[in-house]
Amino acid sequence: KEMAAYLEAWLVEAPDDAAGIARALGDIARAVGMSKVAKQSGLSRESLYKALGENGNPSFATVMKVAKALGVRLHAEPA
């Protein structure tokens, strides 16, 4: 629940900050364990560190795989 709340805060407070949202996913992935997230997402640890790091620019597919591996969902609602 805490991980989802942290990510939701980024999505609500800074919806245009794609890099910040990616870093938030990276923070959560590191808290869970990057090796575990890599295994569950089918991505390598190295690619996750790069994509979710300070200068990362993950593809939407990567974001979705990581979110699924973390057990969180992105959602949409009317603005």
Protein backbone atom coordinates (compact mmCIF):
# COMPACT_ATOMS: atom_id res chain seq x y z
CA LYS A 1 0.00 0.00 0.00
CA GLU A 2 2.84 2.39 0.81
CA MET A 3 4.47 1.78 -2.57
CA ALA A 4 1.22 2.47 -4.39
CA ALA A 5 0.63 5.63 -2.34
CA TYR A 6 4.16 6.89 -3.12
CA LEU A 7 3.69 6.32 -6.85
CA GLU A 8 0.19 7.82 -6.77
CA ALA A 9 1.58 10.96 -5.13
CA TRP A 10 3.98 11.40 -8.04
CA LEU A 11 1.22 10.78 -10.57
CA VAL A 12 -1.06 13.34 -8.91
CA GLU A 13 1.45 16.00 -7.88
CA ALA A 14 3.73 15.90 -10.93
CA PRO A 15 1.87 14.20 -13.76
CA ASP A 16 4.04 15.87 -16.41
CA ASP A 17 7.33 14.81 -14.78
CA ALA A 18 7.94 11.53 -16.61
CA ALA A 19 11.52 11.35 -15.31
CA GLY A 20 10.34 11.83 -11.73
CA ILE A 21 7.70 9.15 -12.08
CA ALA A 22 10.31 6.78 -13.53
CA ARG A 23 12.62 7.57 -10.59
CA ALA A 24 9.74 6.88 -8.20
CA LEU A 25 9.31 3.46 -9.80
CA GLY A 26 13.05 3.00 -9.41
CA ASP A 27 12.87 3.92 -5.72
CA ILE A 28 10.15 1.33 -5.20
CA ALA A 29 12.03 -1.28 -7.23
CA ARG A 30 15.18 -0.76 -5.15
CA ALA A 31 13.14 -1.05 -1.94
CA VAL A 32 11.64 -4.34 -3.12
CA GLY A 33 14.94 -5.56 -4.54
CA MET A 34 16.07 -4.90 -8.07
CA SER A 35 16.96 -8.56 -8.66
CA LYS A 36 13.45 -9.63 -7.72
CA VAL A 37 11.87 -6.97 -9.93
CA ALA A 38 14.16 -7.90 -12.80
CA LYS A 39 13.19 -11.55 -12.54
CA GLN A 40 9.46 -10.80 -12.32
CA SER A 41 9.52 -8.27 -15.15
CA GLY A 42 11.72 -10.25 -17.51
CA LEU A 43 14.20 -7.37 -17.72
CA SER A 44 17.83 -7.32 -16.65
CA ARG A 45 18.93 -5.60 -13.44
CA GLU A 46 21.32 -3.43 -15.42
CA SER A 47 18.63 -2.23 -17.81
CA LEU A 48 16.33 -1.46 -14.88
CA TYR A 49 18.98 0.59 -13.08
CA LYS A 50 19.62 2.51 -16.29
CA ALA A 51 15.96 3.02 -17.22
CA LEU A 52 14.80 3.97 -13.72
CA GLY A 53 17.83 5.99 -12.69
CA GLU A 54 18.50 9.72 -12.58
CA ASN A 55 18.88 10.12 -16.35
CA GLY A 56 16.71 7.19 -17.38
CA ASN A 57 14.09 7.37 -20.07
CA PRO A 58 12.19 4.08 -19.91
CA SER A 59 9.82 3.00 -22.63
CA PHE A 60 6.16 2.75 -21.72
CA ALA A 61 6.48 -1.02 -22.06
CA THR A 62 9.23 -1.01 -19.43
CA VAL A 63 7.14 1.14 -17.09
CA MET A 64 4.22 -1.26 -17.44
CA LYS A 65 6.39 -4.35 -16.87
CA VAL A 66 7.93 -2.81 -13.75
CA ALA A 67 4.56 -1.70 -12.40
CA LYS A 68 3.18 -5.20 -12.88
CA ALA A 69 6.25 -6.75 -11.23
CA LEU A 70 5.79 -4.38 -8.28
CA GLY A 71 2.11 -5.22 -7.97
CA VAL A 72 0.90 -1.69 -8.69
CA ARG A 73 -1.37 -0.40 -11.42
CA LEU A 74 -1.43 2.92 -13.19
CA HIS A 75 -4.92 4.25 -13.65
CA ALA A 76 -6.72 6.98 -15.52
CA GLU A 77 -9.50 9.27 -14.47
CA PRO A 78 -11.05 12.37 -15.97
CA ALA A 79 -9.01 15.51 -15.44
